[in-house]
Amino acid sequence: MQSIRMALRSIGGVVGAYLILSLIMVVVVELALGGASFRESTVTVLAVAGLSGILAAVLAGYVGTSIAGRAPRWHALAMIAVIAFDTTWIVVRGVGSDPAWFTIASGSALCAGLAAGAELRARRRFSS
């Protein structure tokens, strides 16, 4: 029973992090900013979208690894794998009008934010 609970927390942490990240990005980028596109958005919109994405990823990494409850760095790796897959899918399929380098840079920033959030959680956990 304990192993089932641990597995569900692991899955919940990764899925929860993705949902948190997605929800914040939709609210900030799509609803508040009206979308962000490399070719069409102002530098200010791109900067706000980028910064909010990184902050959302830090929060998602922290909360996701908190839900998982153990091995925050391994769970962060799973979260990063989801974002890496998503980014790869967008680039390979040609979804959107942004250049590939911009999509890859955006995905990489989200991965870094997730790792930072997980690291904050790991340090908090071990310093308590």
C-alpha atoms as a PDB file:
ATOM      1  CA  MET A   1       0.000   0.000   0.000  1.00  0.00           C
ATOM      2  CA  GLN A   2       2.863   2.361   0.820  1.00  0.00           C
ATOM      3  CA  SER A   3       4.444   1.836  -2.617  1.00  0.00           C
ATOM      4  CA  ILE A   4       1.146   2.659  -4.335  1.00  0.00           C
ATOM      5  CA  ARG A   5       0.883   5.856  -2.324  1.00  0.00           C
ATOM      6  CA  MET A   6       4.451   6.813  -3.225  1.00  0.00           C
ATOM      7  CA  ALA A   7       3.821   6.123  -6.916  1.00  0.00           C
ATOM      8  CA  LEU A   8       0.633   8.193  -6.894  1.00  0.00           C
ATOM      9  CA  ARG A   9       2.449  11.075  -5.191  1.00  0.00           C
ATOM     10  CA  SER A  10       5.229  10.875  -7.760  1.00  0.00           C
ATOM     11  CA  ILE A  11       2.797  10.950 -10.669  1.00  0.00           C
ATOM     12  CA  GLY A  12       0.715  13.641  -8.964  1.00  0.00           C
ATOM     13  CA  GLY A  13       3.788  15.793  -8.408  1.00  0.00           C
ATOM     14  CA  VAL A  14       4.874  15.669 -12.043  1.00  0.00           C
ATOM     15  CA  VAL A  15       1.358  16.138 -13.430  1.00  0.00           C
ATOM     16  CA  GLY A  16       0.589  18.812 -10.843  1.00  0.00           C
ATOM     17  CA  ALA A  17       3.707  20.763 -11.762  1.00  0.00           C
ATOM     18  CA  TYR A  18       2.778  20.659 -15.440  1.00  0.00           C
ATOM     19  CA  LEU A  19      -0.763  21.806 -14.690  1.00  0.00           C
ATOM     20  CA  ILE A  20       0.450  24.659 -12.479  1.00  0.00           C
ATOM     21  CA  LEU A  21       2.917  25.786 -15.103  1.00  0.00           C
ATOM     22  CA  SER A  22       0.334  25.554 -17.882  1.00  0.00           C
ATOM     23  CA  LEU A  23      -2.354  27.385 -15.917  1.00  0.00           C
ATOM     24  CA  ILE A  24      -0.082  30.272 -14.950  1.00  0.00           C
ATOM     25  CA  MET A  25       1.214  30.598 -18.498  1.00  0.00           C
ATOM     26  CA  VAL A  26      -2.310  30.650 -19.940  1.00  0.00           C
ATOM     27  CA  VAL A  27      -3.479  33.248 -17.448  1.00  0.00           C
ATOM     28  CA  VAL A  28      -0.446  35.521 -17.772  1.00  0.00           C
ATOM     29  CA  VAL A  29       0.634  35.094 -21.373  1.00  0.00           C
ATOM     30  CA  GLU A  30      -2.613  34.383 -23.173  1.00  0.00           C
ATOM     31  CA  LEU A  31      -5.186  36.231 -21.083  1.00  0.00           C
ATOM     32  CA  ALA A  32      -3.236  39.122 -19.558  1.00  0.00           C
ATOM     33  CA  LEU A  33      -0.774  39.766 -22.400  1.00  0.00           C
ATOM     34  CA  GLY A  34      -2.902  38.604 -25.327  1.00  0.00           C
ATOM     35  CA  GLY A  35      -0.322  36.032 -26.375  1.00  0.00           C
ATOM     36  CA  ALA A  36       3.390  36.228 -27.022  1.00  0.00           C
ATOM     37  CA  SER A  37       5.042  35.635 -30.375  1.00  0.00           C
ATOM     38  CA  PHE A  38       8.622  36.335 -31.381  1.00  0.00           C
ATOM     39  CA  ARG A  39       7.548  37.902 -34.663  1.00  0.00           C
ATOM     40  CA  GLU A  40       4.558  39.897 -33.452  1.00  0.00           C
ATOM     41  CA  SER A  41       5.053  40.846 -29.784  1.00  0.00           C
ATOM     42  CA  THR A  42       6.891  43.829 -28.388  1.00  0.00           C
ATOM     43  CA  VAL A  43      10.101  43.393 -26.452  1.00  0.00           C
ATOM     44  CA  THR A  44       8.225  44.290 -23.269  1.00  0.00           C
ATOM     45  CA  VAL A  45       5.616  41.570 -23.827  1.00  0.00           C
ATOM     46  CA  LEU A  46       8.341  39.028 -24.567  1.00  0.00           C
ATOM     47  CA  ALA A  47      10.255  40.048 -21.431  1.00  0.00           C
ATOM     48  CA  VAL A  48       7.163  39.844 -19.207  1.00  0.00           C
ATOM     49  CA  ALA A  49       6.154  36.514 -20.752  1.00  0.00           C
ATOM     50  CA  GLY A  50       9.668  35.123 -20.319  1.00  0.00           C
ATOM     51  CA  LEU A  51      10.038  36.282 -16.739  1.00  0.00           C
ATOM     52  CA  SER A  52       6.585  35.054 -15.787  1.00  0.00           C
ATOM     53  CA  GLY A  53       7.368  31.708 -17.411  1.00  0.00           C
ATOM     54  CA  ILE A  54      10.548  31.295 -15.404  1.00  0.00           C
ATOM     55  CA  LEU A  55       8.822  32.296 -12.155  1.00  0.00           C
ATOM     56  CA  ALA A  56       5.911  29.962 -12.921  1.00  0.00           C
ATOM     57  CA  ALA A  57       8.381  27.141 -13.572  1.00  0.00           C
ATOM     58  CA  VAL A  58      10.170  27.777 -10.262  1.00  0.00           C
ATOM     59  CA  LEU A  59       6.827  27.651  -8.447  1.00  0.00           C
ATOM     60  CA  ALA A  60       5.747  24.545 -10.368  1.00  0.00           C
ATOM     61  CA  GLY A  61       9.049  22.798  -9.616  1.00  0.00           C
ATOM     62  CA  TYR A  62       8.761  23.616  -5.930  1.00  0.00           C
ATOM     63  CA  VAL A  63       5.110  22.588  -5.608  1.00  0.00           C
ATOM     64  CA  GLY A  64       5.515  19.498  -7.790  1.00  0.00           C
ATOM     65  CA  THR A  65       8.405  18.182  -5.753  1.00  0.00           C
ATOM     66  CA  SER A  66       6.530  19.038  -2.555  1.00  0.00           C
ATOM     67  CA  ILE A  67       3.608  16.912  -3.735  1.00  0.00           C
ATOM     68  CA  ALA A  68       5.980  14.066  -4.631  1.00  0.00           C
ATOM     69  CA  GLY A  69       7.424  14.306  -1.132  1.00  0.00           C
ATOM     70  CA  ARG A  70      10.767  12.656  -1.816  1.00  0.00           C
ATOM     71  CA  ALA A  71      13.676  12.676  -4.256  1.00  0.00           C
ATOM     72  CA  PRO A  72      13.023  16.231  -5.498  1.00  0.00           C
ATOM     73  CA  ARG A  73      15.819  16.188  -8.059  1.00  0.00           C
ATOM     74  CA  TRP A  74      14.586  12.963  -9.662  1.00  0.00           C
ATOM     75  CA  HIS A  75      11.066  14.325  -9.842  1.00  0.00           C
ATOM     76  CA  ALA A  76      12.411  17.539 -11.347  1.00  0.00           C
ATOM     77  CA  LEU A  77      14.110  15.426 -13.998  1.00  0.00           C
ATOM     78  CA  ALA A  78      10.755  13.848 -14.855  1.00  0.00           C
ATOM     79  CA  MET A  79       9.161  17.319 -15.077  1.00  0.00           C
ATOM     80  CA  ILE A  80      12.004  18.517 -17.295  1.00  0.00           C
ATOM     81  CA  ALA A  81      11.552  15.471 -19.533  1.00  0.00           C
ATOM     82  CA  VAL A  82       7.899  16.445 -20.068  1.00  0.00           C
ATOM     83  CA  ILE A  83       8.868  19.993 -21.053  1.00  0.00           C
ATOM     84  CA  ALA A  84      11.709  18.717 -23.259  1.00  0.00           C
ATOM     85  CA  PHE A  85       9.278  16.385 -25.040  1.00  0.00           C
ATOM     86  CA  ASP A  86       6.747  19.194 -25.427  1.00  0.00           C
ATOM     87  CA  THR A  87       9.391  21.565 -26.816  1.00  0.00           C
ATOM     88  CA  THR A  88      10.719  18.920 -29.197  1.00  0.00           C
ATOM     89  CA  TRP A  89       7.204  18.191 -30.419  1.00  0.00           C
ATOM     90  CA  ILE A  90       6.571  21.883 -31.129  1.00  0.00           C
ATOM     91  CA  VAL A  91       9.856  22.283 -33.034  1.00  0.00           C
ATOM     92  CA  VAL A  92       9.592  19.048 -35.044  1.00  0.00           C
ATOM     93  CA  ARG A  93       5.930  19.528 -35.939  1.00  0.00           C
ATOM     94  CA  GLY A  94       6.410  23.207 -36.773  1.00  0.00           C
ATOM     95  CA  VAL A  95       3.634  24.317 -34.446  1.00  0.00           C
ATOM     96  CA  GLY A  96       3.391  28.089 -34.189  1.00  0.00           C
ATOM     97  CA  SER A  97       5.216  30.824 -36.055  1.00  0.00           C
ATOM     98  CA  ASP A  98       8.201  31.284 -33.737  1.00  0.00           C
ATOM     99  CA  PRO A  99      11.687  30.305 -34.910  1.00  0.00           C
ATOM    100  CA  ALA A 100      12.995  27.001 -33.568  1.00  0.00           C
ATOM    101  CA  TRP A 101      15.779  28.680 -31.563  1.00  0.00           C
ATOM    102  CA  PHE A 102      13.200  30.814 -29.748  1.00  0.00           C
ATOM    103  CA  THR A 103      11.040  27.812 -28.885  1.00  0.00           C
ATOM    104  CA  ILE A 104      14.084  25.869 -27.696  1.00  0.00           C
ATOM    105  CA  ALA A 105      15.283  28.826 -25.600  1.00  0.00           C
ATOM    106  CA  SER A 106      11.829  29.192 -24.059  1.00  0.00           C
ATOM    107  CA  GLY A 107      11.639  25.486 -23.235  1.00  0.00           C
ATOM    108  CA  SER A 108      15.147  25.573 -21.798  1.00  0.00           C
ATOM    109  CA  ALA A 109      14.222  28.504 -19.556  1.00  0.00           C
ATOM    110  CA  LEU A 110      11.231  26.549 -18.255  1.00  0.00           C
ATOM    111  CA  CYS A 111      13.471  23.538 -17.587  1.00  0.00           C
ATOM    112  CA  ALA A 112      15.911  25.727 -15.670  1.00  0.00           C
ATOM    113  CA  GLY A 113      13.040  27.176 -13.633  1.00  0.00           C
ATOM    114  CA  LEU A 114      11.722  23.715 -12.790  1.00  0.00           C
ATOM    115  CA  ALA A 115      15.203  22.622 -11.704  1.00  0.00           C
ATOM    116  CA  ALA A 116      15.586  25.762  -9.572  1.00  0.00           C
ATOM    117  CA  GLY A 117      12.229  25.186  -7.872  1.00  0.00           C
ATOM    118  CA  ALA A 118      13.117  21.575  -7.143  1.00  0.00           C
ATOM    119  CA  GLU A 119      16.499  22.622  -5.792  1.00  0.00           C
ATOM    120  CA  LEU A 120      14.848  25.168  -3.484  1.00  0.00           C
ATOM    121  CA  ARG A 121      12.579  22.402  -2.225  1.00  0.00           C
ATOM    122  CA  ALA A 122      15.493  20.006  -1.776  1.00  0.00           C
ATOM    123  CA  ARG A 123      17.499  22.542   0.217  1.00  0.00           C
ATOM    124  CA  ARG A 124      14.504  23.452   2.361  1.00  0.00           C
ATOM    125  CA  ARG A 125      13.802  19.790   3.011  1.00  0.00           C
ATOM    126  CA  PHE A 126      17.340  18.989   4.112  1.00  0.00           C
ATOM    127  CA  SER A 127      17.813  22.171   6.145  1.00  0.00           C
ATOM    128  CA  SER A 128      14.644  21.619   8.223  1.00  0.00           C
END
